[in-house]
Amino acid sequence: MGAKADALAKQFEAKVQEATSVLEKLSDADWKKVTAAEKWPVGVTAHHVAMGHAGIAGLLKSVASGQHKASMTMDDLHAMNALHAKDFANVSKAETVALHKKNAAEAAAVVRGFDDAALARSAELLKGMPPMTAEQAVSGVLINHIEDHLGSIRKTVSA
């Protein structure tokens, strides 16, 4: 682990804490409101974020190892997300918040485990995308994933 990895993990954990705070305060009515961006209920969007921590952490490990080979396209990812939205249409807040905390802690541990050489390795994350370093993926994918969806949830529940 290096100082850079620790700093990235702390940025991620701050965003996780922010999301946790928002999710824990949502009412049952808020949980069912449909987001404009994703077109999913807030609860489904929150569960998508919680599940995403684990998938993204796996992707980061693969890129950081230098062994990653892109096997999915953005369309594949959209199809997977649509299926997730259908499968978790009635997910509970308690289950989602617990999954969010668990998967986020594991993802932060993955990031903390990277040294500077691992953070500098790059790969094409999805077929057709320009290569990203593991460090860029932590910021641009892991942290941004929460940021984007949390923004959508906030916009939905404040409307």
N, C-alpha and C. Protein backbone atom coordinates (compact mmCIF):
# COMPACT_ATOMS: atom_id res chain seq x y z
N MET A 1 0.84 -1.18 0.00
CA MET A 1 0.00 0.00 0.00
C MET A 1 0.88 1.24 0.00
N GLY A 2 0.40 2.26 -0.67
CA GLY A 2 1.13 3.52 -0.69
C GLY A 2 0.25 4.66 -0.22
N ALA A 3 0.87 5.80 -0.09
CA ALA A 3 0.14 7.00 0.35
C ALA A 3 -0.94 7.39 -0.64
N LYS A 4 -0.64 7.20 -1.93
CA LYS A 4 -1.61 7.54 -2.97
C LYS A 4 -2.87 6.66 -2.85
N ALA A 5 -2.66 5.37 -2.65
CA ALA A 5 -3.78 4.44 -2.51
C ALA A 5 -4.60 4.76 -1.27
N ASP A 6 -3.92 5.09 -0.18
CA ASP A 6 -4.62 5.43 1.05
C ASP A 6 -5.46 6.69 0.87
N ALA A 7 -4.92 7.67 0.18
CA ALA A 7 -5.66 8.92 -0.07
C ALA A 7 -6.89 8.65 -0.94
N LEU A 8 -6.75 7.80 -1.96
CA LEU A 8 -7.88 7.44 -2.81
C LEU A 8 -8.95 6.69 -2.00
N ALA A 9 -8.50 5.77 -1.15
CA ALA A 9 -9.44 5.02 -0.32
C ALA A 9 -10.21 5.96 0.61
N LYS A 10 -9.52 6.95 1.15
CA LYS A 10 -10.18 7.93 2.03
C LYS A 10 -11.20 8.76 1.27
N GLN A 11 -10.89 9.14 0.04
CA GLN A 11 -11.85 9.88 -0.79
C GLN A 11 -13.10 9.03 -1.02
N PHE A 12 -12.87 7.77 -1.34
CA PHE A 12 -13.98 6.84 -1.57
C PHE A 12 -14.81 6.69 -0.29
N GLU A 13 -14.15 6.48 0.83
CA GLU A 13 -14.86 6.30 2.10
C GLU A 13 -15.68 7.54 2.49
N ALA A 14 -15.18 8.71 2.18
CA ALA A 14 -15.94 9.94 2.46
C ALA A 14 -17.21 9.97 1.62
N LYS A 15 -17.10 9.57 0.37
CA LYS A 15 -18.27 9.53 -0.52
C LYS A 15 -19.24 8.45 -0.05
N VAL A 16 -18.71 7.32 0.40
CA VAL A 16 -19.55 6.23 0.93
C VAL A 16 -20.33 6.73 2.15
N GLN A 17 -19.64 7.43 3.05
CA GLN A 17 -20.30 7.93 4.25
C GLN A 17 -21.40 8.93 3.89
N GLU A 18 -21.12 9.77 2.92
CA GLU A 18 -22.13 10.74 2.45
C GLU A 18 -23.36 9.99 1.92
N ALA A 19 -23.13 8.97 1.11
CA ALA A 19 -24.23 8.18 0.55
C ALA A 19 -24.99 7.46 1.65
N THR A 20 -24.26 6.89 2.60
CA THR A 20 -24.91 6.17 3.71
C THR A 20 -25.84 7.10 4.46
N SER A 21 -25.38 8.30 4.73
CA SER A 21 -26.18 9.28 5.45
C SER A 21 -27.47 9.59 4.70
N VAL A 22 -27.35 9.80 3.40
CA VAL A 22 -28.54 10.09 2.58
C VAL A 22 -29.49 8.89 2.57
N LEU A 23 -28.96 7.69 2.33
CA LEU A 23 -29.80 6.50 2.22
C LEU A 23 -30.54 6.21 3.52
N GLU A 24 -29.85 6.36 4.64
CA GLU A 24 -30.47 6.05 5.93
C GLU A 24 -31.63 6.99 6.26
N LYS A 25 -31.63 8.18 5.70
CA LYS A 25 -32.67 9.17 6.00
C LYS A 25 -33.88 9.09 5.05
N LEU A 26 -33.79 8.24 4.02
CA LEU A 26 -34.89 8.17 3.05
C LEU A 26 -36.15 7.58 3.67
N SER A 27 -37.28 8.17 3.34
CA SER A 27 -38.57 7.62 3.78
C SER A 27 -38.99 6.49 2.84
N ASP A 28 -40.00 5.76 3.25
CA ASP A 28 -40.53 4.69 2.37
C ASP A 28 -41.04 5.28 1.06
N ALA A 29 -41.65 6.46 1.15
CA ALA A 29 -42.16 7.12 -0.07
C ALA A 29 -40.99 7.51 -0.98
N ASP A 30 -39.91 8.04 -0.40
CA ASP A 30 -38.73 8.41 -1.18
C ASP A 30 -38.13 7.18 -1.86
N TRP A 31 -38.08 6.08 -1.15
CA TRP A 31 -37.48 4.83 -1.64
C TRP A 31 -38.15 4.37 -2.94
N LYS A 32 -39.43 4.73 -3.09
CA LYS A 32 -40.20 4.26 -4.25
C LYS A 32 -40.26 5.28 -5.40
N LYS A 33 -39.82 6.51 -5.15
CA LYS A 33 -39.83 7.53 -6.22
C LYS A 33 -38.90 7.09 -7.34
N VAL A 34 -39.28 7.42 -8.57
CA VAL A 34 -38.49 7.03 -9.73
C VAL A 34 -37.55 8.16 -10.13
N THR A 35 -36.28 7.81 -10.30
CA THR A 35 -35.27 8.80 -10.68
C THR A 35 -35.43 9.18 -12.15
N ALA A 36 -35.12 10.42 -12.46
CA ALA A 36 -35.18 10.87 -13.85
C ALA A 36 -34.01 10.31 -14.65
N ALA A 37 -32.84 10.24 -14.04
CA ALA A 37 -31.64 9.81 -14.77
C ALA A 37 -31.68 8.32 -15.11
N GLU A 38 -31.88 7.49 -14.09
CA GLU A 38 -31.83 6.03 -14.32
C GLU A 38 -33.18 5.46 -14.75
N LYS A 39 -34.25 6.15 -14.37
CA LYS A 39 -35.63 5.68 -14.60
C LYS A 39 -35.92 4.43 -13.77
N TRP A 40 -35.27 4.37 -12.60
CA TRP A 40 -35.47 3.29 -11.63
C TRP A 40 -35.95 3.92 -10.33
N PRO A 41 -36.63 3.13 -9.49
CA PRO A 41 -36.94 3.64 -8.16
C PRO A 41 -35.64 3.96 -7.41
N VAL A 42 -35.71 4.90 -6.49
CA VAL A 42 -34.55 5.28 -5.68
C VAL A 42 -33.93 4.05 -5.02
N GLY A 43 -34.76 3.16 -4.49
CA GLY A 43 -34.24 1.95 -3.84
C GLY A 43 -33.43 1.08 -4.77
N VAL A 44 -33.90 0.94 -6.00
CA VAL A 44 -33.17 0.14 -6.99
C VAL A 44 -31.85 0.83 -7.34
N THR A 45 -31.89 2.14 -7.48
CA THR A 45 -30.68 2.90 -7.78
C THR A 45 -29.67 2.75 -6.65
N ALA A 46 -30.13 2.83 -5.42
CA ALA A 46 -29.25 2.66 -4.26
C ALA A 46 -28.66 1.25 -4.22
N HIS A 47 -29.47 0.26 -4.52
CA HIS A 47 -28.97 -1.13 -4.54
C HIS A 47 -27.96 -1.32 -5.66
N HIS A 48 -28.20 -0.69 -6.79
CA HIS A 48 -27.26 -0.73 -7.92
C HIS A 48 -25.90 -0.19 -7.47
N VAL A 49 -25.90 0.90 -6.73
CA VAL A 49 -24.65 1.47 -6.22
C VAL A 49 -23.98 0.48 -5.28
N ALA A 50 -24.76 -0.08 -4.35
CA ALA A 50 -24.22 -1.02 -3.37
C ALA A 50 -23.60 -2.26 -4.04
N MET A 51 -24.28 -2.79 -5.03
CA MET A 51 -23.75 -3.94 -5.78
C MET A 51 -22.54 -3.52 -6.60
N GLY A 52 -22.59 -2.31 -7.12
CA GLY A 52 -21.52 -1.82 -7.98
C GLY A 52 -20.17 -1.76 -7.31
N HIS A 53 -20.15 -1.48 -5.99
CA HIS A 53 -18.87 -1.42 -5.28
C HIS A 53 -18.07 -2.70 -5.50
N ALA A 54 -18.74 -3.84 -5.40
CA ALA A 54 -18.05 -5.14 -5.51
C ALA A 54 -17.58 -5.38 -6.95
N GLY A 55 -18.44 -5.12 -7.90
CA GLY A 55 -18.07 -5.33 -9.30
C GLY A 55 -16.93 -4.42 -9.74
N ILE A 56 -17.00 -3.18 -9.32
CA ILE A 56 -15.96 -2.21 -9.68
C ILE A 56 -14.64 -2.57 -8.99
N ALA A 57 -14.72 -3.01 -7.73
CA ALA A 57 -13.50 -3.41 -7.01
C ALA A 57 -12.83 -4.58 -7.74
N GLY A 58 -13.62 -5.52 -8.24
CA GLY A 58 -13.06 -6.63 -9.00
C GLY A 58 -12.38 -6.15 -10.28
N LEU A 59 -13.01 -5.20 -10.93
CA LEU A 59 -12.43 -4.60 -12.14
C LEU A 59 -11.11 -3.90 -11.81
N LEU A 60 -11.10 -3.15 -10.71
CA LEU A 60 -9.88 -2.45 -10.30
C LEU A 60 -8.74 -3.43 -10.03
N LYS A 61 -9.06 -4.52 -9.33
CA LYS A 61 -8.03 -5.54 -9.04
C LYS A 61 -7.46 -6.10 -10.34
N SER A 62 -8.34 -6.34 -11.30
CA SER A 62 -7.93 -6.89 -12.58
C SER A 62 -7.01 -5.92 -13.33
N VAL A 63 -7.39 -4.66 -13.37
CA VAL A 63 -6.56 -3.65 -14.04
C VAL A 63 -5.22 -3.50 -13.31
N ALA A 64 -5.27 -3.39 -11.99
CA ALA A 64 -4.06 -3.18 -11.20
C ALA A 64 -3.09 -4.36 -11.29
N SER A 65 -3.62 -5.55 -11.57
CA SER A 65 -2.78 -6.74 -11.68
C SER A 65 -2.03 -6.78 -13.01
N GLY A 66 -2.51 -5.97 -13.97
CA GLY A 66 -1.91 -5.99 -15.30
C GLY A 66 -2.45 -7.09 -16.19
N GLN A 67 -3.48 -7.80 -15.70
CA GLN A 67 -4.02 -8.96 -16.43
C GLN A 67 -5.37 -8.69 -17.07
N HIS A 68 -5.92 -7.49 -16.92
CA HIS A 68 -7.29 -7.23 -17.39
C HIS A 68 -7.40 -7.26 -18.91
N LYS A 69 -8.39 -7.97 -19.39
CA LYS A 69 -8.77 -7.99 -20.81
C LYS A 69 -10.25 -7.65 -20.88
N ALA A 70 -10.58 -6.57 -21.56
CA ALA A 70 -11.99 -6.15 -21.67
C ALA A 70 -12.80 -7.24 -22.36
N SER A 71 -13.89 -7.64 -21.69
CA SER A 71 -14.74 -8.69 -22.26
C SER A 71 -16.17 -8.21 -22.47
N MET A 72 -16.50 -7.04 -21.93
CA MET A 72 -17.86 -6.50 -22.03
C MET A 72 -17.84 -5.17 -22.76
N THR A 73 -18.96 -4.87 -23.40
CA THR A 73 -19.16 -3.56 -24.01
C THR A 73 -20.06 -2.73 -23.09
N MET A 74 -20.19 -1.45 -23.39
CA MET A 74 -21.10 -0.60 -22.63
C MET A 74 -22.54 -1.12 -22.77
N ASP A 75 -22.90 -1.62 -23.94
CA ASP A 75 -24.24 -2.18 -24.13
C ASP A 75 -24.46 -3.39 -23.22
N ASP A 76 -23.43 -4.23 -23.07
CA ASP A 76 -23.53 -5.37 -22.15
C ASP A 76 -23.78 -4.88 -20.72
N LEU A 77 -23.07 -3.84 -20.34
CA LEU A 77 -23.23 -3.28 -19.00
C LEU A 77 -24.63 -2.72 -18.80
N HIS A 78 -25.15 -2.03 -19.80
CA HIS A 78 -26.52 -1.50 -19.72
C HIS A 78 -27.53 -2.64 -19.58
N ALA A 79 -27.34 -3.71 -20.33
CA ALA A 79 -28.26 -4.86 -20.25
C ALA A 79 -28.19 -5.51 -18.86
N MET A 80 -27.00 -5.62 -18.32
CA MET A 80 -26.81 -6.19 -16.98
C MET A 80 -27.50 -5.30 -15.94
N ASN A 81 -27.36 -4.00 -16.09
CA ASN A 81 -27.99 -3.06 -15.15
C ASN A 81 -29.51 -3.11 -15.25
N ALA A 82 -30.03 -3.26 -16.45
CA ALA A 82 -31.49 -3.36 -16.63
C ALA A 82 -32.03 -4.62 -15.96
N LEU A 83 -31.30 -5.71 -16.09
CA LEU A 83 -31.71 -6.96 -15.44
C LEU A 83 -31.66 -6.81 -13.92
N HIS A 84 -30.62 -6.17 -13.43
CA HIS A 84 -30.51 -5.93 -11.99
C HIS A 84 -31.71 -5.11 -11.50
N ALA A 85 -32.07 -4.09 -12.25
CA ALA A 85 -33.20 -3.23 -11.86
C ALA A 85 -34.49 -4.04 -11.76
N LYS A 86 -34.66 -4.98 -12.68
CA LYS A 86 -35.86 -5.83 -12.65
C LYS A 86 -35.80 -6.81 -11.47
N ASP A 87 -34.64 -7.42 -11.28
CA ASP A 87 -34.48 -8.43 -10.23
C ASP A 87 -34.59 -7.85 -8.82
N PHE A 88 -34.25 -6.58 -8.65
CA PHE A 88 -34.25 -5.97 -7.32
C PHE A 88 -35.28 -4.85 -7.20
N ALA A 89 -36.37 -4.97 -7.92
CA ALA A 89 -37.41 -3.95 -7.94
C ALA A 89 -38.00 -3.68 -6.55
N ASN A 90 -38.00 -4.68 -5.68
CA ASN A 90 -38.61 -4.53 -4.36
C ASN A 90 -37.61 -4.68 -3.21
N VAL A 91 -36.38 -4.33 -3.47
CA VAL A 91 -35.33 -4.48 -2.45
C VAL A 91 -35.59 -3.54 -1.26
N SER A 92 -35.28 -4.02 -0.06
CA SER A 92 -35.53 -3.22 1.14
C SER A 92 -34.38 -2.24 1.40
N LYS A 93 -34.71 -1.19 2.13
CA LYS A 93 -33.70 -0.20 2.49
C LYS A 93 -32.66 -0.82 3.42
N ALA A 94 -33.10 -1.58 4.41
CA ALA A 94 -32.16 -2.17 5.37
C ALA A 94 -31.16 -3.08 4.66
N GLU A 95 -31.65 -3.92 3.77
CA GLU A 95 -30.78 -4.84 3.01
C GLU A 95 -29.79 -4.04 2.16
N THR A 96 -30.28 -3.00 1.53
CA THR A 96 -29.45 -2.19 0.64
C THR A 96 -28.36 -1.44 1.40
N VAL A 97 -28.72 -0.83 2.51
CA VAL A 97 -27.73 -0.09 3.30
C VAL A 97 -26.67 -1.05 3.84
N ALA A 98 -27.08 -2.22 4.30
CA ALA A 98 -26.11 -3.21 4.80
C ALA A 98 -25.16 -3.66 3.69
N LEU A 99 -25.70 -3.91 2.50
CA LEU A 99 -24.87 -4.32 1.37
C LEU A 99 -23.92 -3.20 0.96
N HIS A 100 -24.43 -1.98 0.96
CA HIS A 100 -23.62 -0.80 0.63
C HIS A 100 -22.42 -0.72 1.58
N LYS A 101 -22.65 -0.83 2.86
CA LYS A 101 -21.57 -0.74 3.85
C LYS A 101 -20.56 -1.88 3.68
N LYS A 102 -21.06 -3.09 3.51
CA LYS A 102 -20.19 -4.26 3.38
C LYS A 102 -19.32 -4.17 2.13
N ASN A 103 -19.97 -3.94 0.99
CA ASN A 103 -19.23 -3.90 -0.28
C ASN A 103 -18.29 -2.70 -0.36
N ALA A 104 -18.69 -1.58 0.23
CA ALA A 104 -17.84 -0.40 0.22
C ALA A 104 -16.58 -0.64 1.07
N ALA A 105 -16.74 -1.28 2.21
CA ALA A 105 -15.57 -1.57 3.06
C ALA A 105 -14.60 -2.49 2.31
N GLU A 106 -15.14 -3.48 1.62
CA GLU A 106 -14.28 -4.38 0.85
C GLU A 106 -13.60 -3.65 -0.30
N ALA A 107 -14.31 -2.77 -0.98
CA ALA A 107 -13.73 -2.01 -2.09
C ALA A 107 -12.63 -1.07 -1.58
N ALA A 108 -12.85 -0.43 -0.44
CA ALA A 108 -11.83 0.45 0.14
C ALA A 108 -10.58 -0.34 0.49
N ALA A 109 -10.76 -1.56 1.00
CA ALA A 109 -9.61 -2.42 1.32
C ALA A 109 -8.84 -2.80 0.06
N VAL A 110 -9.56 -3.05 -1.03
CA VAL A 110 -8.90 -3.36 -2.30
C VAL A 110 -8.03 -2.17 -2.72
N VAL A 111 -8.60 -0.98 -2.70
CA VAL A 111 -7.87 0.22 -3.11
C VAL A 111 -6.65 0.43 -2.22
N ARG A 112 -6.83 0.28 -0.91
CA ARG A 112 -5.71 0.46 0.03
C ARG A 112 -4.58 -0.53 -0.23
N GLY A 113 -4.89 -1.66 -0.83
CA GLY A 113 -3.89 -2.69 -1.09
C GLY A 113 -2.99 -2.40 -2.29
N PHE A 114 -3.31 -1.39 -3.05
CA PHE A 114 -2.52 -1.08 -4.25
C PHE A 114 -1.26 -0.29 -3.90
N ASP A 115 -0.16 -0.65 -4.57
CA ASP A 115 1.03 0.18 -4.48
C ASP A 115 1.02 1.11 -5.71
N ASP A 116 1.99 1.99 -5.79
CA ASP A 116 2.01 2.96 -6.88
C ASP A 116 2.12 2.30 -8.25
N ALA A 117 2.85 1.19 -8.32
CA ALA A 117 2.99 0.48 -9.60
C ALA A 117 1.64 -0.08 -10.05
N ALA A 118 0.88 -0.64 -9.11
CA ALA A 118 -0.44 -1.17 -9.44
C ALA A 118 -1.38 -0.06 -9.90
N LEU A 119 -1.33 1.08 -9.22
CA LEU A 119 -2.18 2.21 -9.60
C LEU A 119 -1.84 2.74 -10.99
N ALA A 120 -0.60 2.57 -11.41
CA ALA A 120 -0.15 3.09 -12.71
C ALA A 120 -0.47 2.14 -13.88
N ARG A 121 -0.82 0.89 -13.58
CA ARG A 121 -1.13 -0.05 -14.68
C ARG A 121 -2.43 0.38 -15.34
N SER A 122 -2.51 0.14 -16.65
CA SER A 122 -3.71 0.56 -17.37
C SER A 122 -4.25 -0.55 -18.24
N ALA A 123 -5.52 -0.40 -18.58
CA ALA A 123 -6.19 -1.36 -19.46
C ALA A 123 -7.46 -0.71 -19.99
N GLU A 124 -7.95 -1.28 -21.05
CA GLU A 124 -9.26 -0.92 -21.59
C GLU A 124 -10.29 -1.57 -20.66
N LEU A 125 -11.10 -0.79 -19.94
CA LEU A 125 -12.05 -1.36 -18.98
C LEU A 125 -13.16 -2.12 -19.67
N LEU A 126 -13.74 -1.49 -20.67
CA LEU A 126 -14.80 -2.10 -21.49
C LEU A 126 -14.35 -2.04 -22.94
N LYS A 127 -14.80 -2.98 -23.74
CA LYS A 127 -14.43 -2.99 -25.16
C LYS A 127 -14.80 -1.66 -25.80
N GLY A 128 -13.83 -1.08 -26.52
CA GLY A 128 -14.08 0.17 -27.23
C GLY A 128 -13.78 1.42 -26.42
N MET A 129 -13.45 1.27 -25.15
CA MET A 129 -13.11 2.44 -24.32
C MET A 129 -11.61 2.68 -24.37
N PRO A 130 -11.19 3.92 -24.25
CA PRO A 130 -9.75 4.17 -24.16
C PRO A 130 -9.22 3.60 -22.84
N PRO A 131 -7.95 3.18 -22.82
CA PRO A 131 -7.40 2.64 -21.58
C PRO A 131 -7.41 3.66 -20.45
N MET A 132 -7.51 3.15 -19.22
CA MET A 132 -7.45 3.95 -18.00
C MET A 132 -6.48 3.27 -17.05
N THR A 133 -5.78 4.06 -16.27
CA THR A 133 -4.96 3.47 -15.22
C THR A 133 -5.90 3.04 -14.08
N ALA A 134 -5.38 2.19 -13.22
CA ALA A 134 -6.16 1.79 -12.04
C ALA A 134 -6.48 3.03 -11.20
N GLU A 135 -5.52 3.95 -11.09
CA GLU A 135 -5.77 5.17 -10.33
C GLU A 135 -6.91 5.99 -10.95
N GLN A 136 -6.90 6.14 -12.26
CA GLN A 136 -7.99 6.86 -12.94
C GLN A 136 -9.32 6.14 -12.74
N ALA A 137 -9.30 4.82 -12.73
CA ALA A 137 -10.53 4.05 -12.55
C ALA A 137 -11.08 4.18 -11.14
N VAL A 138 -10.20 4.30 -10.14
CA VAL A 138 -10.69 4.51 -8.77
C VAL A 138 -11.48 5.81 -8.72
N SER A 139 -10.90 6.88 -9.26
CA SER A 139 -11.57 8.18 -9.23
C SER A 139 -12.75 8.24 -10.20
N GLY A 140 -12.49 7.85 -11.44
CA GLY A 140 -13.47 8.02 -12.51
C GLY A 140 -14.58 7.00 -12.54
N VAL A 141 -14.35 5.85 -11.93
CA VAL A 141 -15.39 4.81 -11.96
C VAL A 141 -15.91 4.55 -10.54
N LEU A 142 -15.06 4.12 -9.63
CA LEU A 142 -15.52 3.75 -8.29
C LEU A 142 -16.14 4.94 -7.55
N ILE A 143 -15.41 6.02 -7.44
CA ILE A 143 -15.91 7.19 -6.71
C ILE A 143 -17.01 7.90 -7.50
N ASN A 144 -16.81 8.03 -8.79
CA ASN A 144 -17.79 8.72 -9.62
C ASN A 144 -19.12 7.97 -9.70
N HIS A 145 -19.07 6.64 -9.59
CA HIS A 145 -20.30 5.84 -9.62
C HIS A 145 -21.23 6.25 -8.49
N ILE A 146 -20.66 6.39 -7.31
CA ILE A 146 -21.47 6.85 -6.17
C ILE A 146 -21.93 8.29 -6.41
N GLU A 147 -21.00 9.13 -6.79
CA GLU A 147 -21.30 10.56 -6.98
C GLU A 147 -22.47 10.76 -7.95
N ASP A 148 -22.40 10.10 -9.10
CA ASP A 148 -23.45 10.26 -10.12
C ASP A 148 -24.81 9.79 -9.63
N HIS A 149 -24.85 8.58 -9.09
CA HIS A 149 -26.14 8.03 -8.66
C HIS A 149 -26.68 8.72 -7.40
N LEU A 150 -25.78 9.13 -6.51
CA LEU A 150 -26.21 9.86 -5.32
C LEU A 150 -26.83 11.20 -5.72
N GLY A 151 -26.23 11.85 -6.71
CA GLY A 151 -26.79 13.09 -7.23
C GLY A 151 -28.19 12.88 -7.77
N SER A 152 -28.38 11.80 -8.49
CA SER A 152 -29.70 11.47 -9.04
C SER A 152 -30.71 11.20 -7.93
N ILE A 153 -30.29 10.46 -6.90
CA ILE A 153 -31.18 10.16 -5.76
C ILE A 153 -31.56 11.46 -5.06
N ARG A 154 -30.57 12.30 -4.80
CA ARG A 154 -30.85 13.58 -4.12
C ARG A 154 -31.84 14.43 -4.91
N LYS A 155 -31.62 14.50 -6.20
CA LYS A 155 -32.48 15.31 -7.07
C LYS A 155 -33.92 14.77 -7.03
N THR A 156 -34.04 13.45 -7.01
CA THR A 156 -35.36 12.81 -7.00
C THR A 156 -36.11 13.05 -5.71
N VAL A 157 -35.45 12.90 -4.59
CA VAL A 157 -36.15 13.01 -3.31
C VAL A 157 -36.38 14.44 -2.85
N SER A 158 -35.64 15.39 -3.44
CA SER A 158 -35.85 16.78 -3.05
C SER A 158 -36.91 17.43 -3.95
N ALA A 159 -37.26 16.75 -5.04
CA ALA A 159 -38.24 17.32 -5.99
C ALA A 159 -39.64 17.22 -5.43
